[in-house]
Amino acid sequence: MTIYIAGKITGDPNYKVKFLRRAEGIKNAGHKAINPATLPAGMPWEACMRICFAMIDAADAAVFLPDWKESRGARAEKTYCDVTGKPTFEIGKGDEM
């Protein structure tokens, strides 16, 4: 299964580490991770969102990190998943994978 990772990026100085850890957990569980935190820094938000929606389209499901509700982008991704019927899962603090 290919899983897209969604969560707060803007305003979180540690987002790369947070997303990388989740990607490693997904890989260790035998799945493929799509990590939007690997997009180049400095891109316009709107451009990032278009790319992220395409990444979601390529995934089988999306996992939402504990802070996703604090992020305008992650909330848009959740709505996009809901509208397109993409399965979503929320990860709580301390949860594996």
C-alpha atoms as a PDB file:
ATOM      1  CA  MET A   1       0.000   0.000   0.000  1.00  0.00           C
ATOM      2  CA  THR A   2       1.186   3.518  -0.797  1.00  0.00           C
ATOM      3  CA  ILE A   3       0.393   6.027   1.952  1.00  0.00           C
ATOM      4  CA  TYR A   4       0.484   9.817   1.739  1.00  0.00           C
ATOM      5  CA  ILE A   5       1.545  11.641   4.933  1.00  0.00           C
ATOM      6  CA  ALA A   6      -0.416  14.773   5.887  1.00  0.00           C
ATOM      7  CA  GLY A   7       0.293  17.151   8.740  1.00  0.00           C
ATOM      8  CA  LYS A   8       1.433  20.616   9.706  1.00  0.00           C
ATOM      9  CA  ILE A   9       4.426  21.902   7.747  1.00  0.00           C
ATOM     10  CA  THR A  10       4.109  25.700   7.693  1.00  0.00           C
ATOM     11  CA  GLY A  11       5.231  27.143  11.014  1.00  0.00           C
ATOM     12  CA  ASP A  12       6.743  23.894  12.309  1.00  0.00           C
ATOM     13  CA  PRO A  13      10.556  24.143  12.330  1.00  0.00           C
ATOM     14  CA  ASN A  14      10.829  20.374  12.927  1.00  0.00           C
ATOM     15  CA  TYR A  15       8.459  19.243  10.186  1.00  0.00           C
ATOM     16  CA  LYS A  16      11.121  17.443   8.127  1.00  0.00           C
ATOM     17  CA  VAL A  17      12.130  15.211  11.044  1.00  0.00           C
ATOM     18  CA  LYS A  18       8.485  14.580  12.013  1.00  0.00           C
ATOM     19  CA  PHE A  19       7.530  13.538   8.468  1.00  0.00           C
ATOM     20  CA  LEU A  20      10.703  11.480   7.985  1.00  0.00           C
ATOM     21  CA  ARG A  21      10.020   9.508  11.178  1.00  0.00           C
ATOM     22  CA  ARG A  22       6.471   8.765  10.032  1.00  0.00           C
ATOM     23  CA  ALA A  23       7.735   7.759   6.574  1.00  0.00           C
ATOM     24  CA  GLU A  24      10.215   5.368   8.189  1.00  0.00           C
ATOM     25  CA  GLY A  25       7.423   3.849  10.289  1.00  0.00           C
ATOM     26  CA  ILE A  26       5.301   3.336   7.188  1.00  0.00           C
ATOM     27  CA  LYS A  27       8.218   1.702   5.357  1.00  0.00           C
ATOM     28  CA  ASN A  28       9.010  -0.509   8.364  1.00  0.00           C
ATOM     29  CA  ALA A  29       5.392  -1.696   8.281  1.00  0.00           C
ATOM     30  CA  GLY A  30       5.944  -2.865   4.691  1.00  0.00           C
ATOM     31  CA  HIS A  31       4.294   0.035   2.859  1.00  0.00           C
ATOM     32  CA  LYS A  32       5.475   2.874   0.611  1.00  0.00           C
ATOM     33  CA  ALA A  33       5.387   6.433   1.936  1.00  0.00           C
ATOM     34  CA  ILE A  34       4.720   9.608  -0.029  1.00  0.00           C
ATOM     35  CA  ASN A  35       6.314  12.420   1.951  1.00  0.00           C
ATOM     36  CA  PRO A  36       5.341  15.994   0.981  1.00  0.00           C
ATOM     37  CA  ALA A  37       8.028  17.383   3.298  1.00  0.00           C
ATOM     38  CA  THR A  38      10.530  16.557   0.551  1.00  0.00           C
ATOM     39  CA  LEU A  39       9.176  19.315  -1.718  1.00  0.00           C
ATOM     40  CA  PRO A  40      11.674  22.143  -2.278  1.00  0.00           C
ATOM     41  CA  ALA A  41      11.574  24.926   0.303  1.00  0.00           C
ATOM     42  CA  GLY A  42      10.369  28.306  -0.859  1.00  0.00           C
ATOM     43  CA  MET A  43       7.735  27.114  -3.318  1.00  0.00           C
ATOM     44  CA  PRO A  44       4.464  29.060  -3.266  1.00  0.00           C
ATOM     45  CA  TRP A  45       1.835  27.450  -1.023  1.00  0.00           C
ATOM     46  CA  GLU A  46      -0.628  27.103  -3.904  1.00  0.00           C
ATOM     47  CA  ALA A  47       1.935  25.266  -6.037  1.00  0.00           C
ATOM     48  CA  CYS A  48       2.718  22.916  -3.154  1.00  0.00           C
ATOM     49  CA  MET A  49      -0.965  22.139  -2.697  1.00  0.00           C
ATOM     50  CA  ARG A  50      -1.412  21.264  -6.383  1.00  0.00           C
ATOM     51  CA  ILE A  51       1.532  18.875  -6.111  1.00  0.00           C
ATOM     52  CA  CYS A  52       0.214  17.442  -2.838  1.00  0.00           C
ATOM     53  CA  PHE A  53      -3.202  16.755  -4.383  1.00  0.00           C
ATOM     54  CA  ALA A  54      -1.439  14.855  -7.188  1.00  0.00           C
ATOM     55  CA  MET A  55       0.534  12.915  -4.559  1.00  0.00           C
ATOM     56  CA  ILE A  56      -2.731  12.036  -2.797  1.00  0.00           C
ATOM     57  CA  ASP A  57      -4.150  10.834  -6.125  1.00  0.00           C
ATOM     58  CA  ALA A  58      -1.140   8.506  -6.479  1.00  0.00           C
ATOM     59  CA  ALA A  59      -1.601   7.070  -2.963  1.00  0.00           C
ATOM     60  CA  ASP A  60      -3.887   4.275  -1.814  1.00  0.00           C
ATOM     61  CA  ALA A  61      -4.633   6.091   1.455  1.00  0.00           C
ATOM     62  CA  ALA A  62      -3.587   9.123   3.492  1.00  0.00           C
ATOM     63  CA  VAL A  63      -2.453   9.204   7.099  1.00  0.00           C
ATOM     64  CA  PHE A  64      -2.991  12.388   9.104  1.00  0.00           C
ATOM     65  CA  LEU A  65      -0.504  13.290  11.847  1.00  0.00           C
ATOM     66  CA  PRO A  66      -1.748  14.495  15.258  1.00  0.00           C
ATOM     67  CA  ASP A  67      -1.304  18.192  14.359  1.00  0.00           C
ATOM     68  CA  TRP A  68      -3.127  18.095  11.023  1.00  0.00           C
ATOM     69  CA  LYS A  69      -6.090  20.189  12.212  1.00  0.00           C
ATOM     70  CA  GLU A  70      -3.667  23.070  12.927  1.00  0.00           C
ATOM     71  CA  SER A  71      -2.693  23.219   9.247  1.00  0.00           C
ATOM     72  CA  ARG A  72      -4.682  24.954   6.523  1.00  0.00           C
ATOM     73  CA  GLY A  73      -2.992  22.726   3.945  1.00  0.00           C
ATOM     74  CA  ALA A  74      -3.666  19.473   5.785  1.00  0.00           C
ATOM     75  CA  ARG A  75      -7.295  20.475   6.305  1.00  0.00           C
ATOM     76  CA  ALA A  76      -7.557  21.080   2.546  1.00  0.00           C
ATOM     77  CA  GLU A  77      -5.965  17.663   1.961  1.00  0.00           C
ATOM     78  CA  LYS A  78      -8.514  16.030   4.274  1.00  0.00           C
ATOM     79  CA  THR A  79     -11.363  17.674   2.388  1.00  0.00           C
ATOM     80  CA  TYR A  80      -9.802  16.576  -0.906  1.00  0.00           C
ATOM     81  CA  CYS A  81      -9.566  12.987   0.363  1.00  0.00           C
ATOM     82  CA  ASP A  82     -13.170  13.069   1.564  1.00  0.00           C
ATOM     83  CA  VAL A  83     -14.451  14.455  -1.760  1.00  0.00           C
ATOM     84  CA  THR A  84     -12.473  11.962  -3.863  1.00  0.00           C
ATOM     85  CA  GLY A  85     -13.162   8.964  -1.621  1.00  0.00           C
ATOM     86  CA  LYS A  86      -9.543   8.417  -0.608  1.00  0.00           C
ATOM     87  CA  PRO A  87      -9.317   6.355   2.616  1.00  0.00           C
ATOM     88  CA  THR A  88      -7.861   8.342   5.517  1.00  0.00           C
ATOM     89  CA  PHE A  89      -6.470   7.425   8.912  1.00  0.00           C
ATOM     90  CA  GLU A  90      -5.637   9.685  11.839  1.00  0.00           C
ATOM     91  CA  ILE A  91      -2.544   8.974  13.906  1.00  0.00           C
ATOM     92  CA  GLY A  92      -2.592   9.944  17.570  1.00  0.00           C
ATOM     93  CA  LYS A  93       0.432  11.088  19.531  1.00  0.00           C
ATOM     94  CA  GLY A  94       2.581   8.068  20.320  1.00  0.00           C
ATOM     95  CA  ASP A  95       0.865   5.784  17.791  1.00  0.00           C
ATOM     96  CA  GLU A  96       3.025   3.514  15.681  1.00  0.00           C
ATOM     97  CA  MET A  97       3.261   3.806  11.885  1.00  0.00           C
END
